[in-house]
Amino acid sequence: MAAKKSEAKDGEKKKSPLKLVVILLAVLLVAGAAYMFLGRGSAAPAPAAAAVEAPVVVGAVIKLDPLFINLKDERFLKLGIALQTSLMGKDPELDGSKALDAAIEVFSGQDILELSDGDGRSRLKEELLTRITESYGSEVSDIYFTEFVMQ
């Protein structure tokens, strides 16, 4: 009987640290979740910073006709572009020749492997957006590829 009591006491001692660890992990998990969901304490200054920025006026999207651009090694790219404008109205007028010219300048002679890579394509799209926004000013805020076919 004495042996059973000592085994029970040993078993309770072994389970106590395990229970303590489980409870501690549960408390840490709940605290971490609360920290992530409720924020890190810097949420108050964010609205003031957002109020300083000027809102972007989103207008019509103007789709341009696709064009064929010569790439490196006798390859070509069929590229369709749409311009996100700040122009309002049913049929906004915008001459797309500057955007098409910029696309030819950016993509001509590029390697098809670079265009196949997502990073390379993103880099060239950013370069094209920079050139287009320099040409059109605040009339164009973004570009979209409507076609991107390489051969």
Protein backbone atom coordinates (compact mmCIF):
# COMPACT_ATOMS: atom_id res chain seq x y z
CA MET A 1 0.00 0.00 0.00
CA ALA A 2 2.86 2.35 0.82
CA ALA A 3 4.38 1.58 -2.58
CA LYS A 4 1.15 2.60 -4.33
CA LYS A 5 0.99 5.90 -2.44
CA SER A 6 4.58 6.77 -3.33
CA GLU A 7 3.92 5.89 -7.00
CA ALA A 8 0.85 8.11 -6.97
CA LYS A 9 2.84 10.98 -5.49
CA ASP A 10 5.58 10.50 -8.12
CA GLY A 11 2.94 10.40 -10.88
CA GLU A 12 1.38 13.63 -9.60
CA LYS A 13 4.78 15.29 -9.53
CA LYS A 14 5.47 14.23 -13.12
CA LYS A 15 2.09 15.45 -14.32
CA SER A 16 2.34 18.80 -12.52
CA PRO A 17 5.21 20.21 -14.64
CA LEU A 18 3.50 18.93 -17.78
CA LYS A 19 0.25 20.67 -16.84
CA LEU A 20 2.18 23.82 -16.04
CA VAL A 21 3.91 23.78 -19.45
CA VAL A 22 0.61 23.19 -21.27
CA ILE A 23 -1.10 26.03 -19.40
CA LEU A 24 1.87 28.34 -20.02
CA LEU A 25 1.83 27.56 -23.76
CA ALA A 26 -1.93 28.16 -23.92
CA VAL A 27 -1.56 31.54 -22.19
CA LEU A 28 1.27 32.53 -24.56
CA LEU A 29 -0.78 31.44 -27.56
CA VAL A 30 -3.80 33.49 -26.48
CA ALA A 31 -1.61 36.51 -25.70
CA GLY A 32 0.13 36.24 -29.08
CA ALA A 33 -3.18 35.98 -30.91
CA ALA A 34 -4.55 39.00 -29.04
CA TYR A 35 -1.40 40.96 -29.88
CA MET A 36 -1.71 40.11 -33.59
CA PHE A 37 -5.45 40.75 -33.90
CA LEU A 38 -5.75 43.78 -31.69
CA GLY A 39 -2.70 45.52 -33.06
CA ARG A 40 0.68 46.51 -31.83
CA GLY A 41 -0.32 49.79 -30.21
CA SER A 42 0.59 51.93 -33.24
CA ALA A 43 -2.89 51.99 -34.75
CA ALA A 44 -3.75 55.48 -33.46
CA PRO A 45 -1.20 57.48 -35.55
CA ALA A 46 -2.13 55.67 -38.80
CA PRO A 47 -5.36 57.63 -39.52
CA ALA A 48 -3.51 60.93 -39.21
CA ALA A 49 -0.91 59.79 -41.73
CA ALA A 50 -3.61 58.54 -44.10
CA ALA A 51 -5.42 61.88 -43.90
CA VAL A 52 -2.31 63.67 -45.16
CA GLU A 53 -2.14 61.70 -48.41
CA ALA A 54 -4.18 62.99 -51.31
CA PRO A 55 -6.81 60.54 -52.50
CA VAL A 56 -6.31 59.10 -55.97
CA VAL A 57 -9.23 59.81 -58.25
CA VAL A 58 -10.08 56.66 -60.15
CA GLY A 59 -11.75 57.29 -63.46
CA ALA A 60 -12.27 55.30 -66.62
CA VAL A 61 -10.05 52.52 -67.86
CA ILE A 62 -9.07 53.03 -71.49
CA LYS A 63 -8.10 49.89 -73.38
CA LEU A 64 -5.59 50.39 -76.17
CA ASP A 65 -5.25 48.21 -79.24
CA PRO A 66 -2.64 45.45 -78.83
CA LEU A 67 0.69 45.82 -80.55
CA PHE A 68 3.44 43.45 -81.64
CA ILE A 69 6.93 44.17 -80.33
CA ASN A 70 10.13 42.53 -81.59
CA LEU A 71 12.10 40.76 -78.89
CA LYS A 72 15.60 39.30 -78.89
CA ASP A 73 16.40 36.24 -81.09
CA GLU A 74 13.61 36.74 -83.66
CA ARG A 75 10.89 36.43 -81.00
CA PHE A 76 7.95 38.77 -80.55
CA LEU A 77 5.53 39.93 -77.90
CA LYS A 78 1.87 40.73 -78.42
CA LEU A 79 1.13 43.31 -75.75
CA GLY A 80 -2.24 44.78 -74.86
CA ILE A 81 -2.39 47.69 -72.43
CA ALA A 82 -5.19 49.44 -70.58
CA LEU A 83 -4.68 52.78 -68.86
CA GLN A 84 -6.30 53.59 -65.51
CA THR A 85 -7.17 57.24 -65.80
CA SER A 86 -8.48 59.96 -63.54
CA LEU A 87 -10.78 61.12 -66.34
CA MET A 88 -14.49 60.98 -65.61
CA GLY A 89 -17.37 60.75 -68.04
CA LYS A 90 -18.91 58.24 -70.38
CA ASP A 91 -16.29 58.41 -73.13
CA PRO A 92 -13.13 60.06 -71.85
CA GLU A 93 -10.67 61.10 -74.53
CA LEU A 94 -7.02 60.16 -74.16
CA ASP A 95 -4.48 59.71 -76.94
CA GLY A 96 -2.77 56.36 -76.31
CA SER A 97 0.14 56.95 -78.69
CA LYS A 98 2.49 58.05 -75.88
CA ALA A 99 1.75 54.88 -73.91
CA LEU A 100 2.25 52.62 -76.94
CA ASP A 101 5.51 54.38 -77.79
CA ALA A 102 6.74 53.92 -74.22
CA ALA A 103 5.81 50.21 -74.37
CA ILE A 104 7.82 49.77 -77.57
CA GLU A 105 10.82 51.49 -75.98
CA VAL A 106 10.67 49.40 -72.80
CA PHE A 107 9.99 45.96 -74.29
CA SER A 108 11.89 46.08 -77.63
CA GLY A 109 14.89 43.77 -77.74
CA GLN A 110 14.15 42.14 -74.37
CA ASP A 111 15.05 38.51 -73.78
CA ILE A 112 12.08 36.15 -73.69
CA LEU A 113 13.50 34.46 -70.59
CA GLU A 114 13.40 37.75 -68.68
CA LEU A 115 9.79 38.30 -69.72
CA SER A 116 8.89 34.75 -68.69
CA ASP A 117 10.17 35.44 -65.18
CA GLY A 118 7.63 37.18 -62.94
CA ASP A 119 10.25 39.48 -61.41
CA GLY A 120 11.59 40.57 -64.79
CA ARG A 121 8.11 41.24 -66.13
CA SER A 122 7.18 43.19 -62.97
CA ARG A 123 10.34 45.29 -63.22
CA LEU A 124 9.63 46.18 -66.85
CA LYS A 125 5.98 46.94 -66.05
CA GLU A 126 7.12 49.37 -63.32
CA GLU A 127 9.52 51.01 -65.78
CA LEU A 128 6.69 51.33 -68.31
CA LEU A 129 4.35 52.80 -65.68
CA THR A 130 7.01 55.35 -64.73
CA ARG A 131 7.43 56.45 -68.35
CA ILE A 132 3.69 56.62 -68.94
CA THR A 133 2.98 58.65 -65.80
CA GLU A 134 5.80 61.03 -66.78
CA SER A 135 4.14 61.48 -70.19
CA TYR A 136 0.54 61.87 -69.04
CA GLY A 137 1.00 63.33 -65.57
CA SER A 138 -1.92 62.84 -63.20
CA GLU A 139 -4.25 61.74 -66.02
CA VAL A 140 -2.93 58.14 -65.77
CA SER A 141 -2.42 56.43 -62.43
CA ASP A 142 -1.87 52.76 -63.36
CA ILE A 143 -1.57 50.36 -66.28
CA TYR A 144 -2.90 46.87 -66.84
CA PHE A 145 -1.75 44.23 -69.27
CA THR A 146 -4.77 42.94 -71.17
CA GLU A 147 -2.68 40.70 -73.42
CA PHE A 148 0.81 39.34 -72.96
CA VAL A 149 1.65 36.64 -75.51
CA MET A 150 5.22 35.71 -76.42
CA GLN A 151 6.39 33.58 -79.31
